[in-house]
PDB file of N, CA and C in Angstrom:
ATOM      1  N   MET A   1     -97.373 -12.600  23.790  1.00  0.00           N
ATOM      2  CA  MET A   1     -96.068 -13.219  23.808  1.00  0.00           C
ATOM      3  C   MET A   1     -95.015 -12.265  23.273  1.00  0.00           C
ATOM      4  N   TYR A   2     -95.340 -11.595  22.147  1.00  0.00           N
ATOM      5  CA  TYR A   2     -94.392 -10.654  21.556  1.00  0.00           C
ATOM      6  C   TYR A   2     -94.110  -9.487  22.505  1.00  0.00           C
ATOM      7  N   VAL A   3     -95.127  -9.039  23.194  1.00  0.00           N
ATOM      8  CA  VAL A   3     -94.959  -7.911  24.107  1.00  0.00           C
ATOM      9  C   VAL A   3     -94.034  -8.293  25.253  1.00  0.00           C
ATOM     10  N   ALA A   4     -94.207  -9.494  25.789  1.00  0.00           N
ATOM     11  CA  ALA A   4     -93.359  -9.943  26.898  1.00  0.00           C
ATOM     12  C   ALA A   4     -91.904 -10.064  26.456  1.00  0.00           C
ATOM     13  N   LEU A   5     -91.675 -10.613  25.278  1.00  0.00           N
ATOM     14  CA  LEU A   5     -90.303 -10.759  24.807  1.00  0.00           C
ATOM     15  C   LEU A   5     -89.690  -9.416  24.420  1.00  0.00           C
ATOM     16  N   ARG A   6     -90.501  -8.472  23.970  1.00  0.00           N
ATOM     17  CA  ARG A   6     -89.987  -7.127  23.726  1.00  0.00           C
ATOM     18  C   ARG A   6     -89.590  -6.467  25.034  1.00  0.00           C
ATOM     19  N   PHE A   7     -90.365  -6.709  26.093  1.00  0.00           N
ATOM     20  CA  PHE A   7     -90.013  -6.174  27.407  1.00  0.00           C
ATOM     21  C   PHE A   7     -88.716  -6.805  27.914  1.00  0.00           C
ATOM     22  N   VAL A   8     -88.554  -8.111  27.734  1.00  0.00           N
ATOM     23  CA  VAL A   8     -87.316  -8.796  28.136  1.00  0.00           C
ATOM     24  C   VAL A   8     -86.136  -8.228  27.360  1.00  0.00           C
ATOM     25  N   SER A   9     -86.313  -7.986  26.060  1.00  0.00           N
ATOM     26  CA  SER A   9     -85.219  -7.424  25.262  1.00  0.00           C
ATOM     27  C   SER A   9     -84.851  -6.026  25.753  1.00  0.00           C
ATOM     28  N   LEU A  10     -85.829  -5.225  26.095  1.00  0.00           N
ATOM     29  CA  LEU A  10     -85.564  -3.891  26.631  1.00  0.00           C
ATOM     30  C   LEU A  10     -84.813  -3.988  27.955  1.00  0.00           C
ATOM     31  N   PHE A  11     -85.228  -4.909  28.801  1.00  0.00           N
ATOM     32  CA  PHE A  11     -84.577  -5.120  30.090  1.00  0.00           C
ATOM     33  C   PHE A  11     -83.112  -5.523  29.899  1.00  0.00           C
ATOM     34  N   LEU A  12     -82.843  -6.433  28.964  1.00  0.00           N
ATOM     35  CA  LEU A  12     -81.466  -6.861  28.706  1.00  0.00           C
ATOM     36  C   LEU A  12     -80.622  -5.721  28.143  1.00  0.00           C
ATOM     37  N   ILE A  13     -81.194  -4.896  27.285  1.00  0.00           N
ATOM     38  CA  ILE A  13     -80.472  -3.750  26.744  1.00  0.00           C
ATOM     39  C   ILE A  13     -80.129  -2.763  27.854  1.00  0.00           C
ATOM     40  N   VAL A  14     -81.060  -2.534  28.759  1.00  0.00           N
ATOM     41  CA  VAL A  14     -80.810  -1.616  29.882  1.00  0.00           C
ATOM     42  C   VAL A  14     -79.699  -2.160  30.774  1.00  0.00           C
ATOM     43  N   ILE A  15     -79.712  -3.453  31.060  1.00  0.00           N
ATOM     44  CA  ILE A  15     -78.636  -4.045  31.867  1.00  0.00           C
ATOM     45  C   ILE A  15     -77.295  -3.894  31.153  1.00  0.00           C
ATOM     46  N   GLY A  16     -77.275  -4.143  29.846  1.00  0.00           N
ATOM     47  CA  GLY A  16     -76.045  -3.981  29.077  1.00  0.00           C
ATOM     48  C   GLY A  16     -75.522  -2.552  29.132  1.00  0.00           C
ATOM     49  N   LEU A  17     -76.415  -1.574  28.996  1.00  0.00           N
ATOM     50  CA  LEU A  17     -76.004  -0.177  29.061  1.00  0.00           C
ATOM     51  C   LEU A  17     -75.515   0.204  30.460  1.00  0.00           C
ATOM     52  N   MET A  18     -76.141  -0.337  31.488  1.00  0.00           N
ATOM     53  CA  MET A  18     -75.688  -0.072  32.853  1.00  0.00           C
ATOM     54  C   MET A  18     -74.289  -0.639  33.084  1.00  0.00           C
ATOM     55  N   LEU A  19     -74.040  -1.852  32.596  1.00  0.00           N
ATOM     56  CA  LEU A  19     -72.708  -2.444  32.753  1.00  0.00           C
ATOM     57  C   LEU A  19     -71.661  -1.680  31.949  1.00  0.00           C
ATOM     58  N   LEU A  20     -72.028  -1.213  30.757  1.00  0.00           N
ATOM     59  CA  LEU A  20     -71.108  -0.411  29.950  1.00  0.00           C
ATOM     60  C   LEU A  20     -70.791   0.903  30.653  1.00  0.00           C
ATOM     61  N   GLY A  21     -71.800   1.537  31.224  1.00  0.00           N
ATOM     62  CA  GLY A  21     -71.583   2.774  31.980  1.00  0.00           C
ATOM     63  C   GLY A  21     -70.711   2.549  33.202  1.00  0.00           C
ATOM     64  N   ALA A  22     -70.921   1.434  33.886  1.00  0.00           N
ATOM     65  CA  ALA A  22     -70.085   1.122  35.054  1.00  0.00           C
ATOM     66  C   ALA A  22     -68.633   0.915  34.646  1.00  0.00           C
ATOM     67  N   ASP A  23     -68.422   0.261  33.499  1.00  0.00           N
ATOM     68  CA  ASP A  23     -67.059   0.069  33.001  1.00  0.00           C
ATOM     69  C   ASP A  23     -66.417   1.406  32.637  1.00  0.00           C
ATOM     70  N   LEU A  24     -67.183   2.306  32.027  1.00  0.00           N
ATOM     71  CA  LEU A  24     -66.648   3.618  31.671  1.00  0.00           C
ATOM     72  C   LEU A  24     -66.286   4.434  32.910  1.00  0.00           C
ATOM     73  N   ILE A  25     -67.132   4.401  33.908  1.00  0.00           N
ATOM     74  CA  ILE A  25     -66.849   5.147  35.136  1.00  0.00           C
ATOM     75  C   ILE A  25     -65.642   4.558  35.856  1.00  0.00           C
ATOM     76  N   THR A  26     -65.527   3.237  35.892  1.00  0.00           N
ATOM     77  CA  THR A  26     -64.366   2.607  36.510  1.00  0.00           C
ATOM     78  C   THR A  26     -63.096   2.955  35.752  1.00  0.00           C
ATOM     79  N   THR A  27     -63.176   3.040  34.431  1.00  0.00           N
ATOM     80  CA  THR A  27     -62.025   3.449  33.621  1.00  0.00           C
ATOM     81  C   THR A  27     -61.601   4.868  33.977  1.00  0.00           C
ATOM     82  N   LEU A  28     -62.567   5.759  34.139  1.00  0.00           N
ATOM     83  CA  LEU A  28     -62.244   7.139  34.530  1.00  0.00           C
ATOM     84  C   LEU A  28     -61.641   7.200  35.932  1.00  0.00           C
ATOM     85  N   GLU A  29     -62.165   6.371  36.843  1.00  0.00           N
ATOM     86  CA  GLU A  29     -61.638   6.359  38.208  1.00  0.00           C
ATOM     87  C   GLU A  29     -60.194   5.871  38.263  1.00  0.00           C
ATOM     88  N   HIS A  30     -59.815   4.993  37.350  1.00  0.00           N
ATOM     89  CA  HIS A  30     -58.453   4.451  37.333  1.00  0.00           C
ATOM     90  C   HIS A  30     -57.525   5.264  36.450  1.00  0.00           C
ATOM     91  N   GLY A  31     -57.881   6.487  36.156  1.00  0.00           N
ATOM     92  CA  GLY A  31     -57.015   7.381  35.413  1.00  0.00           C
ATOM     93  C   GLY A  31     -56.862   7.032  33.947  1.00  0.00           C
ATOM     94  N   GLY A  32     -57.863   6.471  33.336  1.00  0.00           N
ATOM     95  CA  GLY A  32     -57.821   6.151  31.922  1.00  0.00           C
ATOM     96  C   GLY A  32     -57.398   4.724  31.618  1.00  0.00           C
ATOM     97  N   GLU A  33     -57.053   3.953  32.627  1.00  0.00           N
ATOM     98  CA  GLU A  33     -56.716   2.540  32.403  1.00  0.00           C
ATOM     99  C   GLU A  33     -58.016   1.781  32.127  1.00  0.00           C
ATOM    100  N   VAL A  34     -58.110   1.215  30.936  1.00  0.00           N
ATOM    101  CA  VAL A  34     -59.352   0.573  30.505  1.00  0.00           C
ATOM    102  C   VAL A  34     -59.686  -0.602  31.421  1.00  0.00           C
ATOM    103  N   THR A  35     -60.883  -0.572  31.965  1.00  0.00           N
ATOM    104  CA  THR A  35     -61.364  -1.628  32.848  1.00  0.00           C
ATOM    105  C   THR A  35     -62.676  -2.153  32.296  1.00  0.00           C
ATOM    106  N   ILE A  36     -62.696  -3.440  31.967  1.00  0.00           N
ATOM    107  CA  ILE A  36     -63.909  -4.066  31.448  1.00  0.00           C
ATOM    108  C   ILE A  36     -64.220  -5.274  32.319  1.00  0.00           C
ATOM    109  N   ARG A  37     -65.418  -5.302  32.866  1.00  0.00           N
ATOM    110  CA  ARG A  37     -65.832  -6.423  33.703  1.00  0.00           C
ATOM    111  C   ARG A  37     -66.323  -7.566  32.823  1.00  0.00           C
ATOM    112  N   SER A  38     -65.775  -8.739  33.054  1.00  0.00           N
ATOM    113  CA  SER A  38     -66.238  -9.909  32.308  1.00  0.00           C
ATOM    114  C   SER A  38     -67.524 -10.426  32.942  1.00  0.00           C
ATOM    115  N   LEU A  39     -68.167 -11.333  32.248  1.00  0.00           N
ATOM    116  CA  LEU A  39     -69.385 -11.941  32.783  1.00  0.00           C
ATOM    117  C   LEU A  39     -69.074 -12.675  34.088  1.00  0.00           C
ATOM    118  N   ASP A  40     -67.876 -13.232  34.184  1.00  0.00           N
ATOM    119  CA  ASP A  40     -67.421 -13.894  35.406  1.00  0.00           C
ATOM    120  C   ASP A  40     -67.391 -12.910  36.579  1.00  0.00           C
ATOM    121  N   HIS A  41     -66.864 -11.700  36.358  1.00  0.00           N
ATOM    122  CA  HIS A  41     -66.819 -10.697  37.420  1.00  0.00           C
ATOM    123  C   HIS A  41     -68.213 -10.239  37.831  1.00  0.00           C
ATOM    124  N   VAL A  42     -69.098 -10.088  36.848  1.00  0.00           N
ATOM    125  CA  VAL A  42     -70.466  -9.667  37.146  1.00  0.00           C
ATOM    126  C   VAL A  42     -71.166 -10.731  37.974  1.00  0.00           C
ATOM    127  N   TRP A  43     -71.004 -12.002  37.582  1.00  0.00           N
ATOM    128  CA  TRP A  43     -71.631 -13.097  38.314  1.00  0.00           C
ATOM    129  C   TRP A  43     -71.056 -13.200  39.721  1.00  0.00           C
ATOM    130  N   THR A  44     -69.756 -12.998  39.862  1.00  0.00           N
ATOM    131  CA  THR A  44     -69.120 -13.041  41.178  1.00  0.00           C
ATOM    132  C   THR A  44     -69.671 -11.943  42.081  1.00  0.00           C
ATOM    133  N   ALA A  45     -69.914 -10.771  41.528  1.00  0.00           N
ATOM    134  CA  ALA A  45     -70.464  -9.671  42.319  1.00  0.00           C
ATOM    135  C   ALA A  45     -71.883  -9.972  42.788  1.00  0.00           C
ATOM    136  N   ILE A  46     -72.628 -10.725  41.993  1.00  0.00           N
ATOM    137  CA  ILE A  46     -74.007 -11.040  42.359  1.00  0.00           C
ATOM    138  C   ILE A  46     -74.068 -12.170  43.372  1.00  0.00           C
ATOM    139  N   ASN A  47     -73.361 -13.285  43.106  1.00  0.00           N
ATOM    140  CA  ASN A  47     -73.401 -14.441  44.012  1.00  0.00           C
ATOM    141  C   ASN A  47     -72.121 -15.255  43.846  1.00  0.00           C
ATOM    142  N   ARG A  48     -71.176 -15.046  44.759  1.00  0.00           N
ATOM    143  CA  ARG A  48     -69.872 -15.698  44.675  1.00  0.00           C
ATOM    144  C   ARG A  48     -69.973 -17.214  44.844  1.00  0.00           C
ATOM    145  N   ASP A  49     -70.838 -17.694  45.721  1.00  0.00           N
ATOM    146  CA  ASP A  49     -70.915 -19.136  45.985  1.00  0.00           C
ATOM    147  C   ASP A  49     -71.355 -19.930  44.758  1.00  0.00           C
ATOM    148  N   SER A  50     -72.296 -19.383  43.992  1.00  0.00           N
ATOM    149  CA  SER A  50     -72.787 -20.143  42.840  1.00  0.00           C
ATOM    150  C   SER A  50     -71.740 -20.239  41.734  1.00  0.00           C
ATOM    151  N   ILE A  51     -70.988 -19.177  41.492  1.00  0.00           N
ATOM    152  CA  ILE A  51     -69.956 -19.239  40.454  1.00  0.00           C
ATOM    153  C   ILE A  51     -68.810 -20.138  40.894  1.00  0.00           C
ATOM    154  N   ASP A  52     -68.477 -20.119  42.179  1.00  0.00           N
ATOM    155  CA  ASP A  52     -67.430 -21.013  42.671  1.00  0.00           C
ATOM    156  C   ASP A  52     -67.859 -22.472  42.559  1.00  0.00           C
ATOM    157  N   GLY A  53     -69.124 -22.752  42.850  1.00  0.00           N
ATOM    158  CA  GLY A  53     -69.643 -24.112  42.711  1.00  0.00           C
ATOM    159  C   GLY A  53     -69.625 -24.582  41.270  1.00  0.00           C
ATOM    160  N   MET A  54     -69.974 -23.683  40.360  1.00  0.00           N
ATOM    161  CA  MET A  54     -69.958 -24.062  38.949  1.00  0.00           C
ATOM    162  C   MET A  54     -68.530 -24.311  38.467  1.00  0.00           C
ATOM    163  N   LYS A  55     -67.591 -23.485  38.892  1.00  0.00           N
ATOM    164  CA  LYS A  55     -66.196 -23.684  38.488  1.00  0.00           C
ATOM    165  C   LYS A  55     -65.639 -24.990  39.046  1.00  0.00           C
ATOM    166  N   THR A  56     -66.020 -25.330  40.264  1.00  0.00           N
ATOM    167  CA  THR A  56     -65.600 -26.602  40.844  1.00  0.00           C
ATOM    168  C   THR A  56     -66.173 -27.763  40.045  1.00  0.00           C
ATOM    169  N   TRP A  57     -67.438 -27.668  39.681  1.00  0.00           N
ATOM    170  CA  TRP A  57     -68.057 -28.712  38.867  1.00  0.00           C
ATOM    171  C   TRP A  57     -67.355 -28.840  37.525  1.00  0.00           C
ATOM    172  N   LEU A  58     -67.021 -27.698  36.902  1.00  0.00           N
ATOM    173  CA  LEU A  58     -66.330 -27.733  35.614  1.00  0.00           C
ATOM    174  C   LEU A  58     -64.973 -28.422  35.712  1.00  0.00           C
ATOM    175  N   GLN A  59     -64.247 -28.173  36.785  1.00  0.00           N
ATOM    176  CA  GLN A  59     -62.919 -28.761  36.943  1.00  0.00           C
ATOM    177  C   GLN A  59     -62.974 -30.263  37.145  1.00  0.00           C
ATOM    178  N   HIS A  60     -63.994 -30.741  37.842  1.00  0.00           N
ATOM    179  CA  HIS A  60     -64.016 -32.153  38.230  1.00  0.00           C
ATOM    180  C   HIS A  60     -64.944 -33.031  37.394  1.00  0.00           C
ATOM    181  N   ARG A  61     -65.977 -32.484  36.815  1.00  0.00           N
ATOM    182  CA  ARG A  61     -66.994 -33.315  36.180  1.00  0.00           C
ATOM    183  C   ARG A  61     -67.142 -33.119  34.672  1.00  0.00           C
ATOM    184  N   ALA A  62     -66.896 -31.921  34.176  1.00  0.00           N
ATOM    185  CA  ALA A  62     -67.186 -31.625  32.779  1.00  0.00           C
ATOM    186  C   ALA A  62     -66.035 -32.029  31.864  1.00  0.00           C
ATOM    187  N   ALA A  63     -66.369 -32.300  30.615  1.00  0.00           N
ATOM    188  CA  ALA A  63     -65.359 -32.629  29.609  1.00  0.00           C
ATOM    189  C   ALA A  63     -64.562 -31.371  29.258  1.00  0.00           C
ATOM    190  N   ALA A  64     -63.348 -31.566  28.759  1.00  0.00           N
ATOM    191  CA  ALA A  64     -62.460 -30.440  28.466  1.00  0.00           C
ATOM    192  C   ALA A  64     -63.050 -29.440  27.466  1.00  0.00           C
ATOM    193  N   PRO A  65     -63.657 -29.868  26.348  1.00  0.00           N
ATOM    194  CA  PRO A  65     -64.229 -28.873  25.418  1.00  0.00           C
ATOM    195  C   PRO A  65     -65.359 -28.060  26.056  1.00  0.00           C
ATOM    196  N   VAL A  66     -66.154 -28.705  26.885  1.00  0.00           N
ATOM    197  CA  VAL A  66     -67.238 -27.992  27.565  1.00  0.00           C
ATOM    198  C   VAL A  66     -66.656 -26.967  28.531  1.00  0.00           C
ATOM    199  N   THR A  67     -65.630 -27.366  29.264  1.00  0.00           N
ATOM    200  CA  THR A  67     -64.984 -26.466  30.215  1.00  0.00           C
ATOM    201  C   THR A  67     -64.412 -25.249  29.507  1.00  0.00           C
ATOM    202  N   HIS A  68     -63.706 -25.464  28.412  1.00  0.00           N
ATOM    203  CA  HIS A  68     -63.113 -24.342  27.682  1.00  0.00           C
ATOM    204  C   HIS A  68     -64.182 -23.445  27.069  1.00  0.00           C
ATOM    205  N   GLY A  69     -65.255 -24.026  26.587  1.00  0.00           N
ATOM    206  CA  GLY A  69     -66.339 -23.233  26.012  1.00  0.00           C
ATOM    207  C   GLY A  69     -67.013 -22.345  27.043  1.00  0.00           C
ATOM    208  N   ILE A  70     -67.291 -22.900  28.194  1.00  0.00           N
ATOM    209  CA  ILE A  70     -67.949 -22.121  29.244  1.00  0.00           C
ATOM    210  C   ILE A  70     -67.016 -21.056  29.790  1.00  0.00           C
ATOM    211  N   GLU A  71     -65.738 -21.389  29.971  1.00  0.00           N
ATOM    212  CA  GLU A  71     -64.778 -20.396  30.448  1.00  0.00           C
ATOM    213  C   GLU A  71     -64.606 -19.265  29.431  1.00  0.00           C
ATOM    214  N   SER A  72     -64.637 -19.592  28.150  1.00  0.00           N
ATOM    215  CA  SER A  72     -64.556 -18.554  27.116  1.00  0.00           C
ATOM    216  C   SER A  72     -65.786 -17.661  27.149  1.00  0.00           C
ATOM    217  N   PHE A  73     -66.958 -18.252  27.350  1.00  0.00           N
ATOM    218  CA  PHE A  73     -68.187 -17.476  27.443  1.00  0.00           C
ATOM    219  C   PHE A  73     -68.148 -16.548  28.657  1.00  0.00           C
ATOM    220  N   LEU A  74     -67.655 -17.040  29.792  1.00  0.00           N
ATOM    221  CA  LEU A  74     -67.585 -16.220  30.995  1.00  0.00           C
ATOM    222  C   LEU A  74     -66.544 -15.115  30.898  1.00  0.00           C
ATOM    223  N   ALA A  75     -65.614 -15.220  29.956  1.00  0.00           N
ATOM    224  CA  ALA A  75     -64.586 -14.186  29.769  1.00  0.00           C
ATOM    225  C   ALA A  75     -65.084 -13.027  28.912  1.00  0.00           C
ATOM    226  N   LEU A  76     -66.245 -13.159  28.283  1.00  0.00           N
ATOM    227  CA  LEU A  76     -66.797 -12.078  27.466  1.00  0.00           C
ATOM    228  C   LEU A  76     -67.186 -10.891  28.342  1.00  0.00           C
ATOM    229  N   PRO A  77     -67.126  -9.672  27.787  1.00  0.00           N
ATOM    230  CA  PRO A  77     -67.574  -8.508  28.566  1.00  0.00           C
ATOM    231  C   PRO A  77     -69.046  -8.643  28.940  1.00  0.00           C
ATOM    232  N   GLY A  78     -69.370  -8.311  30.173  1.00  0.00           N
ATOM    233  CA  GLY A  78     -70.745  -8.441  30.642  1.00  0.00           C
ATOM    234  C   GLY A  78     -71.721  -7.600  29.850  1.00  0.00           C
ATOM    235  N   TRP A  79     -71.315  -6.372  29.486  1.00  0.00           N
ATOM    236  CA  TRP A  79     -72.216  -5.509  28.730  1.00  0.00           C
ATOM    237  C   TRP A  79     -72.510  -6.079  27.353  1.00  0.00           C
ATOM    238  N   ALA A  80     -71.539  -6.766  26.770  1.00  0.00           N
ATOM    239  CA  ALA A  80     -71.745  -7.318  25.432  1.00  0.00           C
ATOM    240  C   ALA A  80     -72.731  -8.482  25.459  1.00  0.00           C
ATOM    241  N   VAL A  81     -72.627  -9.315  26.467  1.00  0.00           N
ATOM    242  CA  VAL A  81     -73.514 -10.478  26.545  1.00  0.00           C
ATOM    243  C   VAL A  81     -74.962 -10.036  26.688  1.00  0.00           C
ATOM    244  N   PHE A  82     -75.230  -9.153  27.642  1.00  0.00           N
ATOM    245  CA  PHE A  82     -76.604  -8.721  27.865  1.00  0.00           C
ATOM    246  C   PHE A  82     -77.098  -7.815  26.751  1.00  0.00           C
ATOM    247  N   GLY A  83     -76.283  -6.870  26.330  1.00  0.00           N
ATOM    248  CA  GLY A  83     -76.698  -5.915  25.315  1.00  0.00           C
ATOM    249  C   GLY A  83     -76.949  -6.541  23.957  1.00  0.00           C
ATOM    250  N   VAL A  84     -76.042  -7.391  23.509  1.00  0.00           N
ATOM    251  CA  VAL A  84     -76.203  -8.013  22.192  1.00  0.00           C
ATOM    252  C   VAL A  84     -77.417  -8.942  22.182  1.00  0.00           C
ATOM    253  N   LEU A  85     -77.594  -9.732  23.236  1.00  0.00           N
ATOM    254  CA  LEU A  85     -78.761 -10.598  23.314  1.00  0.00           C
ATOM    255  C   LEU A  85     -80.047  -9.773  23.305  1.00  0.00           C
ATOM    256  N   GLY A  86     -80.051  -8.648  24.019  1.00  0.00           N
ATOM    257  CA  GLY A  86     -81.221  -7.780  24.031  1.00  0.00           C
ATOM    258  C   GLY A  86     -81.525  -7.180  22.671  1.00  0.00           C
ATOM    259  N   VAL A  87     -80.482  -6.763  21.952  1.00  0.00           N
ATOM    260  CA  VAL A  87     -80.684  -6.180  20.616  1.00  0.00           C
ATOM    261  C   VAL A  87     -81.200  -7.237  19.649  1.00  0.00           C
ATOM    262  N   ILE A  88     -80.657  -8.441  19.724  1.00  0.00           N
ATOM    263  CA  ILE A  88     -81.133  -9.519  18.845  1.00  0.00           C
ATOM    264  C   ILE A  88     -82.610  -9.812  19.115  1.00  0.00           C
ATOM    265  N   LEU A  89     -82.973  -9.913  20.384  1.00  0.00           N
ATOM    266  CA  LEU A  89     -84.385 -10.148  20.717  1.00  0.00           C
ATOM    267  C   LEU A  89     -85.264  -8.988  20.267  1.00  0.00           C
ATOM    268  N   ALA A  90     -84.753  -7.763  20.363  1.00  0.00           N
ATOM    269  CA  ALA A  90     -85.536  -6.601  19.930  1.00  0.00           C
ATOM    270  C   ALA A  90     -85.797  -6.647  18.426  1.00  0.00           C
ATOM    271  N   PHE A  91     -84.811  -7.081  17.640  1.00  0.00           N
ATOM    272  CA  PHE A  91     -85.026  -7.182  16.200  1.00  0.00           C
ATOM    273  C   PHE A  91     -85.977  -8.327  15.854  1.00  0.00           C
ATOM    274  N   VAL A  92     -85.832  -9.448  16.530  1.00  0.00           N
ATOM    275  CA  VAL A  92     -86.677 -10.603  16.216  1.00  0.00           C
ATOM    276  C   VAL A  92     -88.128 -10.354  16.625  1.00  0.00           C
ATOM    277  N   PHE A  93     -88.330  -9.768  17.801  1.00  0.00           N
ATOM    278  CA  PHE A  93     -89.682  -9.568  18.314  1.00  0.00           C
ATOM    279  C   PHE A  93     -90.081  -8.100  18.290  1.00  0.00           C
ATOM    280  N   GLY A  94     -89.623  -7.364  17.282  1.00  0.00           N
ATOM    281  CA  GLY A  94     -89.940  -5.946  17.144  1.00  0.00           C
ATOM    282  C   GLY A  94     -91.397  -5.729  16.803  1.00  0.00           C
ATOM    283  N   ARG A  95     -91.704  -4.511  16.490  1.00  0.00           N
ATOM    284  CA  ARG A  95     -93.089  -4.163  16.146  1.00  0.00           C
ATOM    285  C   ARG A  95     -93.535  -4.916  14.908  1.00  0.00           C
ATOM    286  N   ARG A  96     -94.755  -5.332  14.915  1.00  0.00           N
ATOM    287  CA  ARG A  96     -95.347  -6.054  13.792  1.00  0.00           C
ATOM    288  C   ARG A  96     -96.311  -5.143  13.064  1.00  0.00           C
ATOM    289  N   SER A  97     -96.333  -5.283  11.752  1.00  0.00           N
ATOM    290  CA  SER A  97     -97.310  -4.508  10.973  1.00  0.00           C
ATOM    291  C   SER A  97     -98.675  -5.180  11.096  1.00  0.00           C
ATOM    292  N   PRO A  98     -99.739  -4.467  10.813  1.00  0.00           N
ATOM    293  CA  PRO A  98    -101.081  -5.071  10.918  1.00  0.00           C
ATOM    294  C   PRO A  98    -101.259  -6.289  10.001  1.00  0.00           C
ATOM    295  N   MET A  99    -100.516  -6.350   8.921  1.00  0.00           N
ATOM    296  CA  MET A  99    -100.625  -7.485   8.000  1.00  0.00           C
ATOM    297  C   MET A  99    -100.058  -8.761   8.594  1.00  0.00           C
ATOM    298  N   GLU A 100     -99.084  -8.650   9.511  1.00  0.00           N
ATOM    299  CA  GLU A 100     -98.436  -9.822  10.103  1.00  0.00           C
ATOM    300  C   GLU A 100     -99.240 -10.385  11.269  1.00  0.00           C
ATOM    301  N   MET A 101    -100.129  -9.621  11.831  1.00  0.00           N
ATOM    302  CA  MET A 101    -100.857 -10.064  13.016  1.00  0.00           C
ATOM    303  C   MET A 101    -102.004 -10.879  12.615  1.00  0.00           C
TER     304      MET A 101
END
């Protein structure tokens, strides 16, 4: 179990680093104008229909605090969401000493 979660944490860290690198390259391409992709932009690039469906559901069905919370979460930088979650999992499920096993 620990090995699988360590692999998941590594995978999330790699995705975070890839998104950070993509943001840096896009910043260089735009002549130094800082460009950071939010989680919303990353999700839109992967599957536009699902994010549009979720936003429609939020507008019509969800309560206002839930809507604002989810919209705030989607506004976070994509690299931060994946990278920070990966680092937290790496610390929690890191290497164990022989005494802990």
